[in-house]
Amino acid sequence: MDNEREIMTVAQVAEYLQISEVTTYKLVQDGRIPGFKIGRHWRVRKEDLREHIAKLAHGEHL
């Protein structure tokens, strides 16, 4: 297993996807990127994000 973080912040997801933090936050909040809240803060599992990207790459609309 690599040493990448399993759980990512909105800022880390934005950097990973090369989009703005504001856009990333909206996508997570709207359920278009799989995420969960810990208190008031959104987090995204890297594996969930990879699976989501793979589905989008194969033309699935989520």
Protein backbone atom coordinates (compact mmCIF):
# COMPACT_ATOMS: atom_id res chain seq x y z
CA MET A 1 0.00 0.00 0.00
CA ASP A 2 1.30 3.45 -0.86
CA ASN A 3 1.66 6.28 1.59
CA GLU A 4 -1.05 8.46 0.02
CA ARG A 5 -3.70 9.76 2.37
CA GLU A 6 -6.82 7.59 2.43
CA ILE A 7 -9.05 10.50 3.45
CA MET A 8 -8.83 13.79 1.59
CA THR A 9 -9.99 17.31 2.43
CA VAL A 10 -11.93 19.42 -0.07
CA ALA A 11 -8.71 21.35 -0.76
CA GLN A 12 -6.82 18.11 -1.48
CA VAL A 13 -9.60 16.85 -3.76
CA ALA A 14 -9.59 20.18 -5.62
CA GLU A 15 -5.85 19.95 -6.15
CA TYR A 16 -6.12 16.30 -7.22
CA LEU A 17 -8.84 17.13 -9.77
CA GLN A 18 -7.25 20.46 -10.74
CA ILE A 19 -10.44 22.42 -10.12
CA SER A 20 -11.25 25.18 -7.65
CA GLU A 21 -12.04 24.51 -4.00
CA VAL A 22 -15.38 26.32 -4.40
CA THR A 23 -16.40 24.03 -7.27
CA THR A 24 -15.20 20.95 -5.38
CA TYR A 25 -17.16 21.96 -2.28
CA LYS A 26 -20.33 22.41 -4.35
CA LEU A 27 -19.85 19.03 -6.08
CA VAL A 28 -19.35 17.23 -2.75
CA GLN A 29 -22.27 19.05 -1.14
CA ASP A 30 -24.53 18.17 -4.09
CA GLY A 31 -23.49 14.51 -3.93
CA ARG A 32 -21.78 14.62 -7.34
CA ILE A 33 -18.49 13.68 -5.67
CA PRO A 34 -18.85 11.02 -2.93
CA GLY A 35 -18.05 12.52 0.46
CA PHE A 36 -19.04 12.57 4.10
CA LYS A 37 -19.05 15.10 6.88
CA ILE A 38 -17.07 14.98 10.10
CA GLY A 39 -18.58 17.76 12.15
CA ARG A 40 -18.76 20.70 9.73
CA HIS A 41 -15.95 19.47 7.50
CA TRP A 42 -16.32 17.42 4.32
CA ARG A 43 -13.97 14.52 3.64
CA VAL A 44 -13.60 12.21 0.64
CA ARG A 45 -12.14 8.71 0.62
CA LYS A 46 -9.51 8.52 -2.11
CA GLU A 47 -10.77 5.08 -3.18
CA ASP A 48 -14.34 6.42 -3.54
CA LEU A 49 -13.01 9.30 -5.64
CA ARG A 50 -11.04 6.94 -7.90
CA GLU A 51 -14.11 4.72 -8.41
CA HIS A 52 -16.23 7.79 -9.17
CA ILE A 53 -13.72 9.02 -11.76
CA ALA A 54 -13.59 5.58 -13.37
CA LYS A 55 -17.40 5.55 -13.71
CA LEU A 56 -17.39 9.04 -15.25
CA ALA A 57 -14.63 7.99 -17.65
CA HIS A 58 -16.83 5.11 -18.83
CA GLY A 59 -19.74 7.44 -19.56
CA GLU A 60 -21.86 6.78 -16.50
CA HIS A 61 -23.85 9.79 -15.31
CA LEU A 62 -24.03 10.08 -11.56
